[in-house]
Amino acid sequence: MKRRVPVVATLVVLLAAAAMVGLGLWQLQRREAKHALLASFTRNAALPERPLPVPAPDTALFSRVTATCTAPSSPTRSAGRSEGGRSGYRFLVACREGFVVDLGVASDPRLTPAWPGGFVRGILTRAPDATSFVERLFGARPTPKPMIVPAAALAPGLSPSRAPDPASVPDNHLAYAVQWFAFAAMALVIYAFALRRRR
């Protein structure tokens, strides 16, 4: 005697598969928006130098900007890479005007660079996000500050940091979309096999 198809379980599986398909379509929409943003990054690299826009939208990233940094903070240290490709310690300072300046990279962790501030010119990018995974899990989403990466080191003992490259911006939305579609297909196939075995 054949058993009836379980209504509640079938509904749950169908809703889950529909949600996965919806997430896949959302990733495809984000992919189109990312491609438009990447195109703006490429155009920005060819534009003339200009003053740092305030506020600095994402569409202004990778453009060549100038600014004046006053009352810089004490340098913070993070992993970095020099223009020549050597790994080391990158030193960043926060300016009163609301942006960050990349002073350069050093191989000596004991170095404490001193920079009084002043005029800077370089490529506009975003400062590293120091928000932890736990903070993000509970909804902490601070807006990353704009950061200027000069073509020359600004403090003695440092080498210039590697210039930001638009090609380094990840574009993995298509892969995420394919994953969501595959998850939806697997859920339906597994449930179909389960129903067949139940019958």
N, C-alpha and C. Protein backbone atom coordinates (compact mmCIF):
# COMPACT_ATOMS: atom_id res chain seq x y z
N MET A 1 0.85 -1.19 0.00
CA MET A 1 0.00 0.00 0.00
C MET A 1 0.89 1.25 0.00
N LYS A 2 0.64 2.15 -0.95
CA LYS A 2 1.46 3.36 -1.06
C LYS A 2 1.09 4.36 0.03
N ARG A 3 2.11 4.99 0.57
CA ARG A 3 1.87 6.02 1.57
C ARG A 3 1.66 7.36 0.87
N ARG A 4 0.89 8.22 1.52
CA ARG A 4 0.64 9.54 0.96
C ARG A 4 1.88 10.43 1.14
N VAL A 5 2.00 11.37 0.25
CA VAL A 5 3.12 12.31 0.33
C VAL A 5 2.92 13.20 1.56
N PRO A 6 3.94 13.31 2.44
CA PRO A 6 3.80 14.17 3.63
C PRO A 6 3.70 15.64 3.23
N VAL A 7 2.62 16.27 3.59
CA VAL A 7 2.36 17.64 3.15
C VAL A 7 3.33 18.63 3.79
N VAL A 8 3.49 18.53 5.11
CA VAL A 8 4.33 19.51 5.81
C VAL A 8 5.79 19.42 5.36
N ALA A 9 6.33 18.20 5.30
CA ALA A 9 7.72 18.03 4.89
C ALA A 9 7.93 18.50 3.45
N THR A 10 6.97 18.19 2.57
CA THR A 10 7.09 18.63 1.18
C THR A 10 7.08 20.15 1.08
N LEU A 11 6.19 20.77 1.86
CA LEU A 11 6.11 22.22 1.84
C LEU A 11 7.41 22.85 2.33
N VAL A 12 8.00 22.28 3.39
CA VAL A 12 9.25 22.81 3.92
C VAL A 12 10.37 22.72 2.89
N VAL A 13 10.47 21.56 2.22
CA VAL A 13 11.52 21.37 1.22
C VAL A 13 11.34 22.33 0.05
N LEU A 14 10.10 22.48 -0.41
CA LEU A 14 9.84 23.38 -1.54
C LEU A 14 10.15 24.83 -1.18
N LEU A 15 9.77 25.23 0.03
CA LEU A 15 10.06 26.60 0.46
C LEU A 15 11.58 26.82 0.58
N ALA A 16 12.29 25.82 1.11
CA ALA A 16 13.74 25.94 1.24
C ALA A 16 14.39 26.03 -0.14
N ALA A 17 13.93 25.21 -1.08
CA ALA A 17 14.50 25.24 -2.43
C ALA A 17 14.21 26.57 -3.10
N ALA A 18 12.99 27.09 -2.90
CA ALA A 18 12.64 28.39 -3.48
C ALA A 18 13.50 29.51 -2.90
N ALA A 19 13.78 29.42 -1.58
CA ALA A 19 14.63 30.43 -0.95
C ALA A 19 16.05 30.37 -1.52
N MET A 20 16.56 29.16 -1.75
CA MET A 20 17.90 29.02 -2.32
C MET A 20 17.96 29.57 -3.75
N VAL A 21 16.92 29.31 -4.54
CA VAL A 21 16.88 29.86 -5.90
C VAL A 21 16.84 31.39 -5.83
N GLY A 22 16.06 31.92 -4.88
CA GLY A 22 16.00 33.37 -4.73
C GLY A 22 17.35 33.96 -4.36
N LEU A 23 18.10 33.28 -3.49
CA LEU A 23 19.43 33.76 -3.14
C LEU A 23 20.37 33.70 -4.34
N GLY A 24 20.22 32.68 -5.17
CA GLY A 24 21.04 32.60 -6.38
C GLY A 24 20.75 33.74 -7.34
N LEU A 25 19.46 34.06 -7.52
CA LEU A 25 19.10 35.18 -8.39
C LEU A 25 19.61 36.50 -7.82
N TRP A 26 19.56 36.62 -6.50
CA TRP A 26 20.07 37.84 -5.86
C TRP A 26 21.57 37.99 -6.10
N GLN A 27 22.31 36.88 -6.07
CA GLN A 27 23.74 36.95 -6.35
C GLN A 27 24.00 37.36 -7.80
N LEU A 28 23.16 36.93 -8.73
CA LEU A 28 23.32 37.35 -10.12
C LEU A 28 23.08 38.85 -10.28
N GLN A 29 22.10 39.38 -9.53
CA GLN A 29 21.86 40.83 -9.56
C GLN A 29 23.05 41.58 -8.98
N ARG A 30 23.60 41.06 -7.89
CA ARG A 30 24.78 41.69 -7.30
C ARG A 30 25.97 41.64 -8.25
N ARG A 31 26.06 40.57 -9.05
CA ARG A 31 27.15 40.45 -10.01
C ARG A 31 27.08 41.57 -11.05
N GLU A 32 25.89 41.89 -11.51
CA GLU A 32 25.75 42.99 -12.48
C GLU A 32 26.17 44.31 -11.85
N ALA A 33 25.75 44.54 -10.59
CA ALA A 33 26.14 45.77 -9.92
C ALA A 33 27.65 45.82 -9.68
N LYS A 34 28.26 44.68 -9.36
CA LYS A 34 29.70 44.64 -9.13
C LYS A 34 30.46 44.94 -10.42
N HIS A 35 29.97 44.42 -11.55
CA HIS A 35 30.64 44.69 -12.83
C HIS A 35 30.61 46.18 -13.16
N ALA A 36 29.48 46.83 -12.87
CA ALA A 36 29.40 48.27 -13.11
C ALA A 36 30.38 49.02 -12.20
N LEU A 37 30.52 48.55 -10.95
CA LEU A 37 31.44 49.20 -10.02
C LEU A 37 32.88 48.98 -10.45
N LEU A 38 33.20 47.77 -10.90
CA LEU A 38 34.56 47.50 -11.37
C LEU A 38 34.91 48.34 -12.59
N ALA A 39 33.93 48.57 -13.45
CA ALA A 39 34.16 49.42 -14.62
C ALA A 39 34.47 50.85 -14.18
N SER A 40 33.79 51.32 -13.13
CA SER A 40 34.09 52.67 -12.63
C SER A 40 35.48 52.74 -12.03
N PHE A 41 35.94 51.64 -11.40
CA PHE A 41 37.30 51.63 -10.86
C PHE A 41 38.34 51.79 -11.97
N THR A 42 38.12 51.10 -13.09
CA THR A 42 39.05 51.19 -14.21
C THR A 42 39.06 52.61 -14.79
N ARG A 43 37.89 53.22 -14.89
CA ARG A 43 37.83 54.60 -15.40
C ARG A 43 38.52 55.57 -14.44
N ASN A 44 38.36 55.35 -13.13
CA ASN A 44 38.95 56.26 -12.15
C ASN A 44 40.47 56.29 -12.24
N ALA A 45 41.06 55.14 -12.57
CA ALA A 45 42.52 55.07 -12.63
C ALA A 45 43.10 55.97 -13.72
N ALA A 46 42.28 56.31 -14.72
CA ALA A 46 42.75 57.14 -15.83
C ALA A 46 42.38 58.61 -15.65
N LEU A 47 41.66 58.95 -14.60
CA LEU A 47 41.23 60.34 -14.39
C LEU A 47 42.37 61.19 -13.82
N PRO A 48 42.32 62.50 -14.04
CA PRO A 48 43.33 63.38 -13.44
C PRO A 48 43.22 63.40 -11.92
N GLU A 49 44.29 63.79 -11.29
CA GLU A 49 44.31 63.90 -9.83
C GLU A 49 43.32 64.96 -9.38
N ARG A 50 42.64 64.71 -8.25
CA ARG A 50 41.65 65.65 -7.73
C ARG A 50 41.63 65.60 -6.21
N PRO A 51 41.06 66.63 -5.55
CA PRO A 51 40.97 66.61 -4.09
C PRO A 51 40.10 65.45 -3.61
N LEU A 52 40.40 64.94 -2.44
CA LEU A 52 39.66 63.84 -1.86
C LEU A 52 38.19 64.23 -1.70
N PRO A 53 37.26 63.48 -2.32
CA PRO A 53 35.85 63.82 -2.16
C PRO A 53 35.35 63.48 -0.76
N VAL A 54 34.51 64.34 -0.21
CA VAL A 54 33.93 64.13 1.12
C VAL A 54 32.42 64.26 1.02
N PRO A 55 31.66 63.16 1.33
CA PRO A 55 32.17 61.82 1.63
C PRO A 55 32.72 61.14 0.38
N ALA A 56 33.46 60.05 0.59
CA ALA A 56 34.08 59.33 -0.52
C ALA A 56 33.25 58.09 -0.86
N PRO A 57 32.45 58.13 -1.92
CA PRO A 57 31.63 56.97 -2.27
C PRO A 57 32.47 55.86 -2.89
N ASP A 58 31.89 54.67 -2.97
CA ASP A 58 32.61 53.55 -3.56
C ASP A 58 32.97 53.81 -5.02
N THR A 59 32.15 54.59 -5.70
CA THR A 59 32.40 54.87 -7.12
C THR A 59 33.64 55.74 -7.32
N ALA A 60 34.19 56.32 -6.24
CA ALA A 60 35.40 57.15 -6.34
C ALA A 60 36.67 56.37 -6.03
N LEU A 61 36.54 55.10 -5.63
CA LEU A 61 37.72 54.32 -5.26
C LEU A 61 38.65 54.12 -6.45
N PHE A 62 39.93 54.00 -6.14
CA PHE A 62 41.01 53.79 -7.11
C PHE A 62 41.28 55.02 -7.98
N SER A 63 40.76 56.18 -7.57
CA SER A 63 41.11 57.41 -8.25
C SER A 63 42.30 58.05 -7.54
N ARG A 64 43.00 58.93 -8.24
CA ARG A 64 44.15 59.62 -7.67
C ARG A 64 43.67 60.89 -6.98
N VAL A 65 43.98 61.02 -5.69
CA VAL A 65 43.44 62.12 -4.90
C VAL A 65 44.56 62.82 -4.13
N THR A 66 44.23 64.02 -3.65
CA THR A 66 45.11 64.78 -2.77
C THR A 66 44.32 65.20 -1.55
N ALA A 67 45.01 65.39 -0.44
CA ALA A 67 44.35 65.81 0.80
C ALA A 67 45.41 66.32 1.76
N THR A 68 44.97 66.95 2.83
CA THR A 68 45.85 67.41 3.90
C THR A 68 45.42 66.73 5.18
N CYS A 69 46.35 66.05 5.82
CA CYS A 69 46.09 65.32 7.06
C CYS A 69 46.62 66.13 8.23
N THR A 70 45.74 66.44 9.16
CA THR A 70 46.15 67.16 10.36
C THR A 70 45.89 66.29 11.58
N ALA A 71 46.73 66.48 12.61
CA ALA A 71 46.61 65.75 13.87
C ALA A 71 46.50 64.25 13.65
N PRO A 72 47.48 63.65 12.96
CA PRO A 72 47.40 62.20 12.74
C PRO A 72 47.52 61.43 14.05
N SER A 73 46.85 60.29 14.12
CA SER A 73 46.91 59.45 15.30
C SER A 73 48.23 58.71 15.36
N SER A 74 48.47 58.00 16.46
CA SER A 74 49.64 57.12 16.54
C SER A 74 49.48 56.00 15.52
N PRO A 75 50.55 55.60 14.86
CA PRO A 75 50.43 54.58 13.82
C PRO A 75 49.95 53.24 14.38
N THR A 76 49.08 52.59 13.63
CA THR A 76 48.68 51.22 13.92
C THR A 76 49.35 50.31 12.92
N ARG A 77 49.62 49.09 13.33
CA ARG A 77 50.39 48.16 12.52
C ARG A 77 49.52 46.99 12.07
N SER A 78 49.69 46.60 10.81
CA SER A 78 49.00 45.44 10.27
C SER A 78 49.88 44.80 9.19
N ALA A 79 49.48 43.65 8.73
CA ALA A 79 50.24 42.99 7.68
C ALA A 79 50.12 43.77 6.39
N GLY A 80 51.22 43.85 5.64
CA GLY A 80 51.21 44.59 4.39
C GLY A 80 52.27 44.07 3.45
N ARG A 81 52.31 44.68 2.27
CA ARG A 81 53.28 44.29 1.25
C ARG A 81 53.77 45.55 0.56
N SER A 82 55.06 45.61 0.35
CA SER A 82 55.65 46.80 -0.27
C SER A 82 55.43 46.79 -1.77
N GLU A 83 55.76 47.90 -2.40
CA GLU A 83 55.61 48.01 -3.85
C GLU A 83 56.48 46.99 -4.57
N GLY A 84 57.59 46.63 -3.96
CA GLY A 84 58.47 45.64 -4.55
C GLY A 84 58.04 44.20 -4.32
N GLY A 85 56.96 44.00 -3.57
CA GLY A 85 56.44 42.66 -3.34
C GLY A 85 56.88 42.01 -2.04
N ARG A 86 57.65 42.72 -1.21
CA ARG A 86 58.12 42.14 0.05
C ARG A 86 57.05 42.31 1.12
N SER A 87 56.81 41.25 1.88
CA SER A 87 55.84 41.32 2.98
C SER A 87 56.48 41.98 4.19
N GLY A 88 55.64 42.59 5.01
CA GLY A 88 56.15 43.28 6.19
C GLY A 88 55.00 43.82 7.02
N TYR A 89 55.28 44.92 7.71
CA TYR A 89 54.31 45.55 8.59
C TYR A 89 53.91 46.90 8.00
N ARG A 90 52.61 47.06 7.77
CA ARG A 90 52.11 48.32 7.21
C ARG A 90 51.64 49.21 8.34
N PHE A 91 51.99 50.49 8.26
CA PHE A 91 51.63 51.45 9.31
C PHE A 91 50.60 52.44 8.77
N LEU A 92 49.51 52.57 9.52
CA LEU A 92 48.41 53.45 9.14
C LEU A 92 48.17 54.48 10.23
N VAL A 93 47.80 55.71 9.81
CA VAL A 93 47.41 56.75 10.76
C VAL A 93 46.04 57.30 10.36
N ALA A 94 45.24 57.63 11.36
CA ALA A 94 43.93 58.24 11.13
C ALA A 94 44.06 59.75 11.25
N CYS A 95 43.47 60.48 10.32
CA CYS A 95 43.55 61.94 10.29
C CYS A 95 42.27 62.55 10.87
N ARG A 96 42.40 63.77 11.35
CA ARG A 96 41.26 64.47 11.92
C ARG A 96 40.15 64.66 10.89
N GLU A 97 40.53 64.74 9.63
CA GLU A 97 39.56 64.99 8.56
C GLU A 97 38.70 63.77 8.24
N GLY A 98 38.98 62.62 8.85
CA GLY A 98 38.11 61.46 8.66
C GLY A 98 38.61 60.42 7.68
N PHE A 99 39.87 60.52 7.26
CA PHE A 99 40.42 59.50 6.37
C PHE A 99 41.71 58.94 6.98
N VAL A 100 42.22 57.89 6.36
CA VAL A 100 43.40 57.18 6.85
C VAL A 100 44.51 57.33 5.81
N VAL A 101 45.74 57.39 6.29
CA VAL A 101 46.90 57.48 5.40
C VAL A 101 47.80 56.27 5.63
N ASP A 102 48.20 55.64 4.54
CA ASP A 102 49.15 54.52 4.58
C ASP A 102 50.56 55.10 4.55
N LEU A 103 51.30 54.98 5.65
CA LEU A 103 52.64 55.55 5.72
C LEU A 103 53.66 54.73 4.96
N GLY A 104 53.46 53.43 4.86
CA GLY A 104 54.41 52.56 4.19
C GLY A 104 54.58 51.26 4.94
N VAL A 105 55.55 50.46 4.48
CA VAL A 105 55.77 49.11 5.01
C VAL A 105 57.20 49.00 5.51
N ALA A 106 57.37 48.29 6.63
CA ALA A 106 58.70 48.04 7.19
C ALA A 106 58.83 46.56 7.52
N SER A 107 60.04 46.04 7.48
CA SER A 107 60.28 44.65 7.85
C SER A 107 60.61 44.50 9.32
N ASP A 108 60.94 45.60 9.98
CA ASP A 108 61.30 45.57 11.39
C ASP A 108 60.06 45.82 12.24
N PRO A 109 59.62 44.84 13.04
CA PRO A 109 58.42 45.05 13.85
C PRO A 109 58.64 46.03 15.00
N ARG A 110 59.89 46.33 15.32
CA ARG A 110 60.17 47.24 16.44
C ARG A 110 60.14 48.70 16.01
N LEU A 111 60.03 48.94 14.73
CA LEU A 111 60.04 50.31 14.23
C LEU A 111 58.78 51.05 14.66
N THR A 112 58.97 52.30 15.09
CA THR A 112 57.84 53.17 15.43
C THR A 112 57.97 54.44 14.59
N PRO A 113 57.36 54.46 13.41
CA PRO A 113 57.53 55.62 12.53
C PRO A 113 56.83 56.85 13.09
N ALA A 114 57.41 58.00 12.80
CA ALA A 114 56.83 59.28 13.23
C ALA A 114 56.52 60.10 11.99
N TRP A 115 55.29 60.57 11.92
CA TRP A 115 54.88 61.42 10.80
C TRP A 115 53.98 62.52 11.34
N PRO A 116 54.34 63.79 11.15
CA PRO A 116 53.57 64.89 11.75
C PRO A 116 52.31 65.25 10.99
N GLY A 117 52.09 64.64 9.82
CA GLY A 117 50.94 65.02 9.00
C GLY A 117 51.34 65.98 7.91
N GLY A 118 50.37 66.38 7.11
CA GLY A 118 50.63 67.31 6.02
C GLY A 118 49.96 66.89 4.74
N PHE A 119 50.47 67.40 3.64
CA PHE A 119 49.88 67.15 2.33
C PHE A 119 50.22 65.72 1.88
N VAL A 120 49.21 65.04 1.34
CA VAL A 120 49.41 63.68 0.82
C VAL A 120 48.74 63.57 -0.54
N ARG A 121 49.28 62.71 -1.37
CA ARG A 121 48.67 62.38 -2.65
C ARG A 121 48.88 60.89 -2.89
N GLY A 122 47.87 60.27 -3.46
CA GLY A 122 47.97 58.84 -3.72
C GLY A 122 46.67 58.29 -4.26
N ILE A 123 46.49 56.98 -4.15
CA ILE A 123 45.32 56.30 -4.68
C ILE A 123 44.32 56.05 -3.56
N LEU A 124 43.06 56.33 -3.84
CA LEU A 124 42.00 56.20 -2.85
C LEU A 124 41.51 54.76 -2.79
N THR A 125 41.45 54.24 -1.57
CA THR A 125 40.88 52.91 -1.34
C THR A 125 40.17 52.94 0.01
N ARG A 126 39.85 51.79 0.56
CA ARG A 126 39.21 51.71 1.87
C ARG A 126 40.19 51.18 2.90
N ALA A 127 40.11 51.74 4.11
CA ALA A 127 40.95 51.25 5.20
C ALA A 127 40.51 49.86 5.62
N PRO A 128 41.41 49.04 6.14
CA PRO A 128 41.03 47.70 6.59
C PRO A 128 39.95 47.76 7.66
N ASP A 129 39.03 46.82 7.60
CA ASP A 129 37.94 46.73 8.57
C ASP A 129 38.40 45.89 9.75
N ALA A 130 38.47 46.51 10.93
CA ALA A 130 38.93 45.81 12.13
C ALA A 130 37.80 45.14 12.88
N THR A 131 36.59 45.12 12.32
CA THR A 131 35.45 44.50 13.01
C THR A 131 35.65 42.99 13.07
N SER A 132 35.52 42.42 14.25
CA SER A 132 35.71 40.98 14.42
C SER A 132 34.51 40.21 13.88
N PHE A 133 34.68 38.90 13.72
CA PHE A 133 33.61 38.05 13.22
C PHE A 133 32.43 38.04 14.19
N VAL A 134 32.73 38.03 15.49
CA VAL A 134 31.65 38.02 16.50
C VAL A 134 30.85 39.31 16.43
N GLU A 135 31.54 40.45 16.26
CA GLU A 135 30.84 41.73 16.15
C GLU A 135 29.96 41.77 14.91
N ARG A 136 30.45 41.24 13.78
CA ARG A 136 29.64 41.19 12.58
C ARG A 136 28.44 40.28 12.75
N LEU A 137 28.64 39.20 13.52
CA LEU A 137 27.56 38.24 13.75
C LEU A 137 26.41 38.90 14.48
N PHE A 138 26.71 39.88 15.33
CA PHE A 138 25.68 40.57 16.10
C PHE A 138 25.29 41.91 15.46
N GLY A 139 25.62 42.09 14.19
CA GLY A 139 25.10 43.24 13.45
C GLY A 139 25.99 44.45 13.37
N ALA A 140 27.22 44.39 13.88
CA ALA A 140 28.12 45.55 13.81
C ALA A 140 28.63 45.70 12.38
N ARG A 141 28.26 46.77 11.70
CA ARG A 141 28.67 47.01 10.32
C ARG A 141 29.16 48.44 10.16
N PRO A 142 30.31 48.78 10.75
CA PRO A 142 30.81 50.16 10.59
C PRO A 142 31.23 50.43 9.15
N THR A 143 31.06 51.67 8.72
CA THR A 143 31.46 52.06 7.37
C THR A 143 32.98 52.24 7.32
N PRO A 144 33.68 51.48 6.47
CA PRO A 144 35.14 51.62 6.40
C PRO A 144 35.52 53.04 5.98
N LYS A 145 36.59 53.57 6.57
CA LYS A 145 37.04 54.92 6.25
C LYS A 145 37.80 54.92 4.94
N PRO A 146 37.76 56.04 4.21
CA PRO A 146 38.61 56.14 3.01
C PRO A 146 40.08 56.16 3.41
N MET A 147 40.92 55.61 2.57
CA MET A 147 42.35 55.55 2.85
C MET A 147 43.13 55.95 1.61
N ILE A 148 44.17 56.73 1.81
CA ILE A 148 45.05 57.15 0.73
C ILE A 148 46.36 56.37 0.83
N VAL A 149 46.74 55.75 -0.29
CA VAL A 149 48.00 55.01 -0.36
C VAL A 149 48.96 55.81 -1.23
N PRO A 150 49.90 56.56 -0.63
CA PRO A 150 50.83 57.37 -1.42
C PRO A 150 51.80 56.51 -2.23
N ALA A 151 52.34 57.11 -3.26
CA ALA A 151 53.31 56.40 -4.10
C ALA A 151 54.69 56.37 -3.47
N ALA A 152 54.90 57.16 -2.42
CA ALA A 152 56.18 57.20 -1.72
C ALA A 152 55.93 57.08 -0.23
N ALA A 153 56.84 56.41 0.48
CA ALA A 153 56.70 56.28 1.93
C ALA A 153 56.78 57.65 2.58
N LEU A 154 56.00 57.85 3.64
CA LEU A 154 55.91 59.16 4.28
C LEU A 154 56.73 59.26 5.56
N ALA A 155 57.36 58.18 5.99
CA ALA A 155 58.16 58.22 7.22
C ALA A 155 59.48 57.50 6.98
N PRO A 156 60.55 57.94 7.65
CA PRO A 156 61.86 57.28 7.49
C PRO A 156 61.80 55.81 7.90
N GLY A 157 62.55 54.99 7.17
CA GLY A 157 62.63 53.57 7.48
C GLY A 157 61.55 52.73 6.84
N LEU A 158 60.64 53.36 6.08
CA LEU A 158 59.54 52.64 5.46
C LEU A 158 59.70 52.58 3.95
N SER A 159 59.13 51.57 3.35
CA SER A 159 59.06 51.45 1.90
C SER A 159 57.62 51.70 1.48
N PRO A 160 57.39 52.25 0.29
CA PRO A 160 55.99 52.50 -0.13
C PRO A 160 55.19 51.20 -0.23
N SER A 161 53.94 51.28 0.18
CA SER A 161 53.07 50.11 0.10
C SER A 161 52.67 49.83 -1.34
N ARG A 162 52.31 48.59 -1.59
CA ARG A 162 51.84 48.24 -2.93
C ARG A 162 50.60 49.05 -3.26
N ALA A 163 50.55 49.59 -4.47
CA ALA A 163 49.41 50.42 -4.89
C ALA A 163 48.16 49.56 -5.02
N PRO A 164 47.01 50.08 -4.61
CA PRO A 164 45.76 49.33 -4.77
C PRO A 164 45.48 49.04 -6.24
N ASP A 165 44.99 47.86 -6.53
CA ASP A 165 44.74 47.42 -7.90
C ASP A 165 43.28 47.01 -8.04
N PRO A 166 42.53 47.60 -8.98
CA PRO A 166 41.12 47.18 -9.16
C PRO A 166 40.98 45.69 -9.46
N ALA A 167 42.02 45.08 -10.04
CA ALA A 167 41.95 43.65 -10.36
C ALA A 167 41.91 42.78 -9.11
N SER A 168 42.29 43.35 -7.96
CA SER A 168 42.28 42.57 -6.72
C SER A 168 40.91 42.52 -6.06
N VAL A 169 39.95 43.30 -6.55
CA VAL A 169 38.60 43.29 -5.97
C VAL A 169 37.91 41.99 -6.35
N PRO A 170 37.43 41.22 -5.38
CA PRO A 170 36.82 39.92 -5.70
C PRO A 170 35.52 40.07 -6.48
N ASP A 171 35.32 39.14 -7.41
CA ASP A 171 34.08 39.09 -8.21
C ASP A 171 33.62 37.63 -8.24
N ASN A 172 33.07 37.17 -7.12
CA ASN A 172 32.71 35.78 -6.97
C ASN A 172 31.20 35.54 -6.87
N HIS A 173 30.42 36.50 -7.31
CA HIS A 173 28.96 36.36 -7.18
C HIS A 173 28.42 35.24 -8.06
N LEU A 174 29.01 35.03 -9.23
CA LEU A 174 28.54 33.95 -10.10
C LEU A 174 28.76 32.60 -9.43
N ALA A 175 29.90 32.42 -8.78
CA ALA A 175 30.17 31.16 -8.08
C ALA A 175 29.18 30.95 -6.95
N TYR A 176 28.86 32.03 -6.23
CA TYR A 176 27.88 31.91 -5.15
C TYR A 176 26.50 31.56 -5.71
N ALA A 177 26.13 32.16 -6.84
CA ALA A 177 24.84 31.87 -7.44
C ALA A 177 24.75 30.40 -7.86
N VAL A 178 25.81 29.90 -8.48
CA VAL A 178 25.82 28.49 -8.89
C VAL A 178 25.71 27.58 -7.67
N GLN A 179 26.35 27.94 -6.58
CA GLN A 179 26.26 27.14 -5.36
C GLN A 179 24.83 27.08 -4.83
N TRP A 180 24.15 28.24 -4.81
CA TRP A 180 22.77 28.24 -4.31
C TRP A 180 21.85 27.42 -5.21
N PHE A 181 22.03 27.54 -6.53
CA PHE A 181 21.21 26.74 -7.45
C PHE A 181 21.50 25.25 -7.25
N ALA A 182 22.77 24.91 -7.04
CA ALA A 182 23.13 23.51 -6.82
C ALA A 182 22.53 22.99 -5.52
N PHE A 183 22.55 23.80 -4.47
CA PHE A 183 21.95 23.39 -3.20
C PHE A 183 20.46 23.12 -3.38
N ALA A 184 19.78 23.99 -4.12
CA ALA A 184 18.34 23.80 -4.35
C ALA A 184 18.09 22.51 -5.11
N ALA A 185 18.87 22.25 -6.14
CA ALA A 185 18.70 21.03 -6.93
C ALA A 185 18.98 19.79 -6.09
N MET A 186 20.02 19.83 -5.27
CA MET A 186 20.34 18.68 -4.43
C MET A 186 19.24 18.42 -3.40
N ALA A 187 18.69 19.49 -2.83
CA ALA A 187 17.61 19.31 -1.85
C ALA A 187 16.40 18.62 -2.49
N LEU A 188 16.05 19.02 -3.71
CA LEU A 188 14.90 18.41 -4.39
C LEU A 188 15.19 16.96 -4.77
N VAL A 189 16.41 16.69 -5.24
CA VAL A 189 16.75 15.32 -5.64
C VAL A 189 16.77 14.40 -4.42
N ILE A 190 17.38 14.85 -3.35
CA ILE A 190 17.44 14.02 -2.14
C ILE A 190 16.04 13.76 -1.60
N TYR A 191 15.19 14.78 -1.62
CA TYR A 191 13.82 14.59 -1.13
C TYR A 191 13.04 13.65 -2.04
N ALA A 192 13.29 13.72 -3.33
CA ALA A 192 12.62 12.81 -4.26
C ALA A 192 13.02 11.36 -4.00
N PHE A 193 14.30 11.14 -3.74
CA PHE A 193 14.76 9.78 -3.41
C PHE A 193 14.15 9.31 -2.10
N ALA A 194 14.03 10.24 -1.13
CA ALA A 194 13.44 9.87 0.15
C ALA A 194 11.98 9.48 -0.02
N LEU A 195 11.25 10.21 -0.85
CA LEU A 195 9.85 9.85 -1.10
C LEU A 195 9.74 8.50 -1.80
N ARG A 196 10.63 8.28 -2.74
CA ARG A 196 10.59 7.00 -3.47
C ARG A 196 10.86 5.83 -2.53
N ARG A 197 11.84 6.01 -1.64
CA ARG A 197 12.14 4.95 -0.70
C ARG A 197 10.98 4.74 0.28
N ARG A 198 10.33 5.82 0.64
CA ARG A 198 9.20 5.73 1.56
C ARG A 198 8.05 4.97 0.94
N ARG A 199 7.85 5.15 -0.38
CA ARG A 199 6.77 4.44 -1.05
C ARG A 199 7.10 2.95 -1.19
